[in-house]
Amino acid sequence: MGKVFHAIPDLASPPQVQASLREILADPELRVYWWDWERECYVNVDATPEEPRGGTDRTVTLLAYETRKIGAIVHDDRLLEAPEFLDSFIPMMRIAMERDRLHRDLTAKLEQLQASRLRIVRSADEERRRLERNLHDGAQQRLIATLLPLRTLSSRVADDEELAPLAQQACEELEGAIEDLRELARGLHPPLLARRGLAAALRAGATRSSLPVELEIRLGDDLSPAVEAAAYYVCAEAVTNATKHARASRVWIAVAQDERSLTVEVRDDGVGGARFDGADATGLEGLRDRVEALDGRLELESPPACGTRLVARFPVAAYD
């Protein structure tokens, strides 16, 4: 029993478990099987379906509870002569294999969840890019095409006291609608981000911001598009919240990349009190989902009356 605890490492792979048991029990032909509850069959250490079978001098000992199967061991008959084999070893193996199965199932589900979240982020970004292209190439171009003859008409009726103000107002309204549409398209997915990268997109966004934004940017050349997009939206959402909700007078953005990670920090001098959930979430919960889908972490510090600090950390890994 002591050898079992010391010879088999924690979270050992199935082949490691089988090899260790063969050595400990002096049974070079011992075979270990796990019950695969999804496929409803036994599998060997290679995860291949295989029914445990005995033979000459070989016995199949099932590992199970009353309500569920756990696994099986095919071993030398002589092991049954040792009382501790059935009284201690088999119950211990049953518990260990159940723990192993639960751990592997949990790990697999977490990996599936992570992959699903990443697919959602990618799909959302692609949809944003598609909408931005449609707005730019479709509605925006049609509005501009309409504005040109309207300006010509406005100049021709400039001397008409009744029509001139109406034509001028129509031009101004249409120009405002075009600018609103441009801002909407940039908010969906700024084309500058795809063309020139994160640093250029952040500088352009800071220039357009109604609040003064101080930038400190130190970037390399190997950021993936997914990480660039997530970092940009962290900054954009934080600046938007500082403008609309925090009543801030200034924002500071620091973006730094090293060999292993990208760190994005956004601070403001507003009223604080921001939260990831509840009425004060202001989009931060969805932002956290986006960051965590890329194996990143999003941290929030926002004590009342002391401003807000939002920090996102991403591993510098490729997400193609």
Protein backbone atom coordinates (compact mmCIF):
# COMPACT_ATOMS: atom_id res chain seq x y z
CA MET A 1 0.00 0.00 0.00
CA GLY A 2 2.83 2.36 0.83
CA LYS A 3 4.45 1.67 -2.54
CA VAL A 4 1.23 2.60 -4.33
CA PHE A 5 1.08 6.01 -2.68
CA HIS A 6 4.75 6.78 -3.30
CA ALA A 7 5.33 5.21 -6.73
CA ILE A 8 2.37 6.65 -8.62
CA PRO A 9 2.65 10.43 -9.12
CA ASP A 10 -0.29 12.74 -8.60
CA LEU A 11 -2.49 12.99 -11.71
CA ALA A 12 -0.46 10.27 -13.42
CA SER A 13 -1.45 9.30 -16.95
CA PRO A 14 -3.21 5.94 -17.46
CA PRO A 15 -0.06 4.31 -18.93
CA GLN A 16 1.92 5.53 -15.91
CA VAL A 17 -0.66 4.08 -13.52
CA GLN A 18 -0.61 0.70 -15.27
CA ALA A 19 3.19 0.56 -15.46
CA SER A 20 3.54 1.44 -11.76
CA LEU A 21 0.98 -1.16 -10.68
CA ARG A 22 2.71 -3.84 -12.74
CA GLU A 23 5.94 -3.15 -10.89
CA ILE A 24 4.41 -2.78 -7.43
CA LEU A 25 2.29 -5.96 -7.70
CA ALA A 26 4.98 -7.92 -9.57
CA ASP A 27 2.49 -8.67 -12.34
CA PRO A 28 4.00 -7.67 -15.73
CA GLU A 29 0.77 -8.50 -17.59
CA LEU A 30 -1.59 -6.53 -15.35
CA ARG A 31 -4.03 -4.33 -17.30
CA VAL A 32 -6.08 -1.40 -16.07
CA TYR A 33 -9.36 -0.25 -17.61
CA TRP A 34 -11.52 2.83 -17.04
CA TRP A 35 -15.26 3.00 -17.57
CA ASP A 36 -16.09 5.64 -20.20
CA TRP A 37 -19.51 6.89 -19.17
CA GLU A 38 -20.04 8.87 -22.39
CA ARG A 39 -19.36 5.91 -24.69
CA GLU A 40 -20.69 3.42 -22.11
CA CYS A 41 -17.81 0.99 -22.45
CA TYR A 42 -14.50 0.10 -20.86
CA VAL A 43 -11.37 1.68 -22.34
CA ASN A 44 -7.75 0.71 -21.94
CA VAL A 45 -4.87 3.02 -21.05
CA ASP A 46 -4.83 4.30 -24.66
CA ALA A 47 -8.53 5.29 -24.37
CA THR A 48 -9.42 2.55 -26.87
CA PRO A 49 -12.65 0.59 -26.19
CA GLU A 50 -11.75 -2.86 -24.93
CA GLU A 51 -13.67 -5.33 -22.81
CA PRO A 52 -11.67 -6.61 -19.81
CA ARG A 53 -11.16 -10.38 -20.20
CA GLY A 54 -9.52 -12.92 -17.95
CA GLY A 55 -7.84 -16.14 -18.97
CA THR A 56 -5.55 -18.82 -17.66
CA ASP A 57 -4.42 -17.67 -14.22
CA ARG A 58 -5.92 -14.22 -14.95
CA THR A 59 -8.88 -12.66 -13.09
CA VAL A 60 -11.03 -9.61 -13.84
CA THR A 61 -11.77 -7.58 -10.72
CA LEU A 62 -14.36 -4.87 -11.30
CA LEU A 63 -14.09 -1.50 -9.62
CA ALA A 64 -17.58 -0.11 -9.09
CA TYR A 65 -20.08 1.38 -6.72
CA GLU A 66 -23.66 0.23 -6.51
CA THR A 67 -24.81 3.07 -8.75
CA ARG A 68 -21.97 3.31 -11.29
CA LYS A 69 -19.02 1.58 -12.86
CA ILE A 70 -15.52 2.95 -12.29
CA GLY A 71 -13.11 0.55 -13.98
CA ALA A 72 -11.54 -2.90 -13.91
CA ILE A 73 -8.20 -4.61 -13.34
CA VAL A 74 -7.11 -7.81 -15.06
CA HIS A 75 -4.48 -9.41 -12.80
CA ASP A 76 -2.77 -12.61 -11.68
CA ASP A 77 -5.03 -14.98 -9.69
CA ARG A 78 -2.45 -15.14 -6.90
CA LEU A 79 -3.25 -11.59 -5.82
CA LEU A 80 -6.63 -12.81 -4.55
CA GLU A 81 -4.77 -14.85 -1.92
CA ALA A 82 -3.64 -11.66 -0.21
CA PRO A 83 -6.46 -10.36 2.03
CA GLU A 84 -5.32 -6.76 1.74
CA PHE A 85 -5.75 -6.89 -2.06
CA LEU A 86 -9.55 -7.01 -1.87
CA ASP A 87 -9.94 -5.36 1.53
CA SER A 88 -7.66 -2.36 1.01
CA PHE A 89 -6.08 -2.17 -2.41
CA ILE A 90 -9.24 -2.48 -4.54
CA PRO A 91 -11.27 0.11 -2.52
CA MET A 92 -8.29 2.48 -2.70
CA MET A 93 -7.99 2.01 -6.47
CA ARG A 94 -11.71 2.57 -6.88
CA ILE A 95 -11.49 5.92 -5.09
CA ALA A 96 -8.32 6.92 -6.96
CA MET A 97 -9.75 6.04 -10.39
CA GLU A 98 -13.00 7.86 -9.62
CA ARG A 99 -11.01 10.94 -8.63
CA ASP A 100 -8.92 10.59 -11.78
CA ARG A 101 -12.02 10.33 -13.97
CA LEU A 102 -13.64 13.36 -12.36
CA HIS A 103 -10.45 15.40 -12.76
CA ARG A 104 -10.08 14.45 -16.41
CA ASP A 105 -13.74 15.15 -17.11
CA LEU A 106 -13.49 18.54 -15.44
CA THR A 107 -10.32 19.38 -17.36
CA ALA A 108 -11.94 18.37 -20.64
CA LYS A 109 -15.05 20.45 -19.91
CA LEU A 110 -12.96 23.48 -19.00
CA GLU A 111 -10.99 23.11 -22.24
CA GLN A 112 -14.23 22.84 -24.19
CA LEU A 113 -15.61 25.92 -22.43
CA GLN A 114 -12.44 27.88 -23.17
CA ALA A 115 -12.56 26.86 -26.82
CA SER A 116 -16.23 27.80 -27.01
CA ARG A 117 -15.60 31.24 -25.50
CA LEU A 118 -12.75 31.82 -27.94
CA ARG A 119 -14.99 30.86 -30.88
CA ILE A 120 -17.61 33.33 -29.66
CA VAL A 121 -15.00 36.12 -29.45
CA ARG A 122 -13.71 35.34 -32.93
CA SER A 123 -17.23 35.19 -34.34
CA ALA A 124 -18.18 38.48 -32.69
CA ASP A 125 -15.05 40.21 -34.03
CA GLU A 126 -15.68 38.90 -37.53
CA GLU A 127 -19.29 40.13 -37.35
CA ARG A 128 -18.07 43.53 -36.17
CA ARG A 129 -15.69 43.71 -39.12
CA ARG A 130 -18.46 42.71 -41.50
CA LEU A 131 -20.83 45.35 -40.14
CA GLU A 132 -18.08 47.99 -40.29
CA ARG A 133 -17.42 47.15 -43.95
CA ASN A 134 -21.12 47.20 -44.77
CA LEU A 135 -21.63 50.56 -43.09
CA HIS A 136 -18.58 52.07 -44.77
CA ASP A 137 -19.14 50.65 -48.24
CA GLY A 138 -22.93 50.77 -48.19
CA ALA A 139 -24.91 53.26 -46.10
CA GLN A 140 -22.06 55.75 -45.63
CA GLN A 141 -21.22 55.92 -49.32
CA ARG A 142 -24.88 56.38 -50.25
CA LEU A 143 -25.22 59.23 -47.77
CA ILE A 144 -22.07 60.91 -49.15
CA ALA A 145 -23.40 60.47 -52.69
CA THR A 146 -26.62 62.18 -51.59
CA LEU A 147 -24.75 65.00 -49.84
CA LEU A 148 -22.86 66.11 -52.96
CA PRO A 149 -25.89 67.11 -55.09
CA LEU A 150 -27.55 68.54 -51.99
CA ARG A 151 -24.61 70.92 -51.53
CA THR A 152 -24.89 71.91 -55.19
CA LEU A 153 -28.57 72.60 -54.71
CA SER A 154 -27.83 74.60 -51.55
CA SER A 155 -25.37 76.83 -53.43
CA ARG A 156 -27.88 77.44 -56.22
CA VAL A 157 -30.63 78.57 -53.86
CA ALA A 158 -28.28 80.62 -51.67
CA ASP A 159 -30.07 83.82 -52.69
CA ASP A 160 -33.53 82.46 -51.94
CA GLU A 161 -34.53 83.64 -48.46
CA GLU A 162 -37.03 80.79 -48.03
CA LEU A 163 -35.16 77.84 -49.55
CA ALA A 164 -31.57 78.68 -48.58
CA PRO A 165 -32.01 78.01 -44.82
CA LEU A 166 -33.85 74.75 -45.52
CA ALA A 167 -31.16 73.53 -47.91
CA GLN A 168 -28.39 74.53 -45.50
CA GLN A 169 -30.10 72.76 -42.62
CA ALA A 170 -30.55 69.62 -44.72
CA CYS A 171 -26.82 69.63 -45.57
CA GLU A 172 -25.84 70.04 -41.92
CA GLU A 173 -28.18 67.26 -40.80
CA LEU A 174 -26.84 64.92 -43.45
CA GLU A 175 -23.23 65.77 -42.56
CA GLY A 176 -24.03 65.03 -38.92
CA ALA A 177 -25.60 61.70 -39.82
CA ILE A 178 -22.51 60.74 -41.84
CA GLU A 179 -20.23 61.61 -38.93
CA ASP A 180 -22.42 59.63 -36.52
CA LEU A 181 -22.26 56.68 -38.88
CA ARG A 182 -18.47 56.94 -39.05
CA GLU A 183 -18.25 56.94 -35.26
CA LEU A 184 -20.56 53.92 -35.10
CA ALA A 185 -18.44 52.05 -37.65
CA ARG A 186 -15.24 52.88 -35.77
CA GLY A 187 -16.81 51.64 -32.54
CA LEU A 188 -17.77 48.34 -34.12
CA HIS A 189 -14.27 47.54 -35.34
CA PRO A 190 -11.89 50.38 -36.17
CA PRO A 191 -10.30 49.71 -39.58
CA LEU A 192 -7.11 51.37 -38.34
CA LEU A 193 -6.66 48.50 -35.88
CA ALA A 194 -6.51 45.95 -38.70
CA ARG A 195 -4.39 48.14 -40.99
CA ARG A 196 -1.80 49.62 -38.61
CA GLY A 197 -2.12 47.79 -35.31
CA LEU A 198 -2.97 48.51 -31.68
CA ALA A 199 -0.72 51.52 -31.07
CA ALA A 200 -2.10 53.49 -34.04
CA ALA A 201 -5.70 52.66 -33.11
CA LEU A 202 -5.19 53.77 -29.51
CA ARG A 203 -3.58 57.06 -30.57
CA ALA A 204 -6.44 57.77 -32.97
CA GLY A 205 -8.99 56.94 -30.27
CA ALA A 206 -7.24 59.22 -27.77
CA THR A 207 -7.35 62.07 -30.29
CA ARG A 208 -11.10 61.65 -30.77
CA SER A 209 -11.86 61.35 -27.04
CA SER A 210 -13.71 64.21 -25.37
CA LEU A 211 -11.50 63.68 -22.28
CA PRO A 212 -7.74 64.28 -22.22
CA VAL A 213 -6.04 60.89 -22.57
CA GLU A 214 -2.38 60.34 -21.69
CA LEU A 215 -0.82 57.39 -23.51
CA GLU A 216 2.22 55.29 -22.67
CA ILE A 217 2.72 52.50 -25.21
CA ARG A 218 5.53 49.91 -25.37
CA LEU A 219 4.70 47.17 -27.86
CA GLY A 220 6.52 44.49 -29.81
CA ASP A 221 5.58 43.07 -33.19
CA ASP A 222 4.08 39.68 -32.37
CA LEU A 223 0.60 40.37 -31.01
CA SER A 224 -2.20 38.29 -32.49
CA PRO A 225 -5.25 40.08 -33.97
CA ALA A 226 -7.47 38.61 -31.26
CA VAL A 227 -5.31 39.98 -28.43
CA GLU A 228 -4.95 43.35 -30.18
CA ALA A 229 -8.72 43.62 -30.54
CA ALA A 230 -9.35 42.66 -26.90
CA ALA A 231 -6.75 45.16 -25.65
CA TYR A 232 -8.28 47.90 -27.80
CA TYR A 233 -11.79 47.25 -26.50
CA VAL A 234 -10.56 47.27 -22.88
CA CYS A 235 -9.20 50.78 -23.46
CA ALA A 236 -12.21 51.95 -25.45
CA GLU A 237 -14.74 50.66 -22.89
CA ALA A 238 -12.79 52.15 -19.99
CA VAL A 239 -12.56 55.58 -21.65
CA THR A 240 -16.27 55.46 -22.53
CA ASN A 241 -17.16 54.63 -18.91
CA ALA A 242 -14.89 57.38 -17.62
CA THR A 243 -16.65 59.86 -19.91
CA LYS A 244 -20.26 58.78 -19.42
CA HIS A 245 -20.41 57.41 -15.88
CA ALA A 246 -17.34 58.32 -13.83
CA ARG A 247 -17.46 62.08 -14.37
CA ALA A 248 -13.68 61.97 -14.82
CA SER A 249 -11.53 64.86 -16.03
CA ARG A 250 -8.59 62.81 -17.31
CA VAL A 251 -7.68 59.26 -18.35
CA TRP A 252 -4.29 57.51 -18.34
CA ILE A 253 -3.61 54.48 -20.55
CA ALA A 254 -0.44 52.36 -20.26
CA VAL A 255 0.15 49.42 -22.60
CA ALA A 256 3.31 47.34 -22.10
CA GLN A 257 4.46 44.10 -23.70
CA ASP A 258 7.25 41.79 -22.59
CA GLU A 259 8.31 38.32 -23.68
CA ARG A 260 5.41 36.56 -21.96
CA SER A 261 2.53 38.98 -21.55
CA LEU A 262 0.73 42.14 -22.59
CA THR A 263 -0.49 44.42 -19.80
CA VAL A 264 -3.12 47.09 -20.39
CA GLU A 265 -3.84 49.57 -17.59
CA VAL A 266 -6.48 52.30 -17.76
CA ARG A 267 -6.96 54.81 -14.90
CA ASP A 268 -9.26 57.77 -14.42
CA ASP A 269 -9.82 60.37 -11.72
CA GLY A 270 -13.59 59.93 -11.58
CA VAL A 271 -16.05 59.06 -8.84
CA GLY A 272 -15.20 55.32 -8.73
CA GLY A 273 -17.70 52.68 -7.66
CA ALA A 274 -17.50 50.62 -10.88
CA ARG A 275 -18.31 46.89 -10.63
CA PHE A 276 -18.21 43.80 -12.81
CA ASP A 277 -21.88 43.05 -12.19
CA GLY A 278 -25.05 44.84 -11.17
CA ALA A 279 -26.25 48.29 -12.13
CA ASP A 280 -22.71 49.72 -12.13
CA ALA A 281 -21.26 47.07 -14.44
CA THR A 282 -21.43 49.32 -17.54
CA GLY A 283 -20.23 46.59 -19.90
CA LEU A 284 -17.34 45.38 -17.74
CA GLU A 285 -18.68 41.84 -17.32
CA GLY A 286 -18.73 41.26 -21.07
CA LEU A 287 -15.26 42.77 -21.25
CA ARG A 288 -14.03 40.29 -18.65
CA ASP A 289 -15.46 37.40 -20.69
CA ARG A 290 -13.57 38.62 -23.75
CA VAL A 291 -10.28 38.87 -21.82
CA GLU A 292 -10.66 35.49 -20.10
CA ALA A 293 -11.50 33.81 -23.42
CA LEU A 294 -7.90 34.59 -24.40
CA ASP A 295 -6.51 33.11 -21.14
CA GLY A 296 -6.17 36.63 -19.77
CA ARG A 297 -7.20 38.27 -16.49
CA LEU A 298 -9.12 41.48 -15.91
CA GLU A 299 -8.73 43.26 -12.56
CA LEU A 300 -10.80 46.18 -11.33
CA GLU A 301 -10.08 48.68 -8.54
CA SER A 302 -12.73 51.34 -8.12
CA PRO A 303 -13.17 52.59 -4.55
CA PRO A 304 -15.76 55.36 -4.14
CA ALA A 305 -14.45 58.86 -4.84
CA CYS A 306 -10.97 57.52 -5.72
CA GLY A 307 -11.20 56.87 -9.43
CA THR A 308 -11.11 53.58 -11.33
CA ARG A 309 -8.19 51.37 -12.33
CA LEU A 310 -8.76 48.61 -14.88
CA VAL A 311 -5.91 46.19 -15.64
CA ALA A 312 -5.97 43.47 -18.30
CA ARG A 313 -3.17 40.94 -18.67
CA PHE A 314 -2.89 38.70 -21.71
CA PRO A 315 -0.41 35.92 -22.42
CA VAL A 316 1.53 36.73 -25.58
CA ALA A 317 0.37 33.69 -27.50
CA ALA A 318 -0.96 33.28 -31.02
CA TYR A 319 -4.71 32.89 -31.44
CA ASP A 320 -5.04 32.36 -35.17
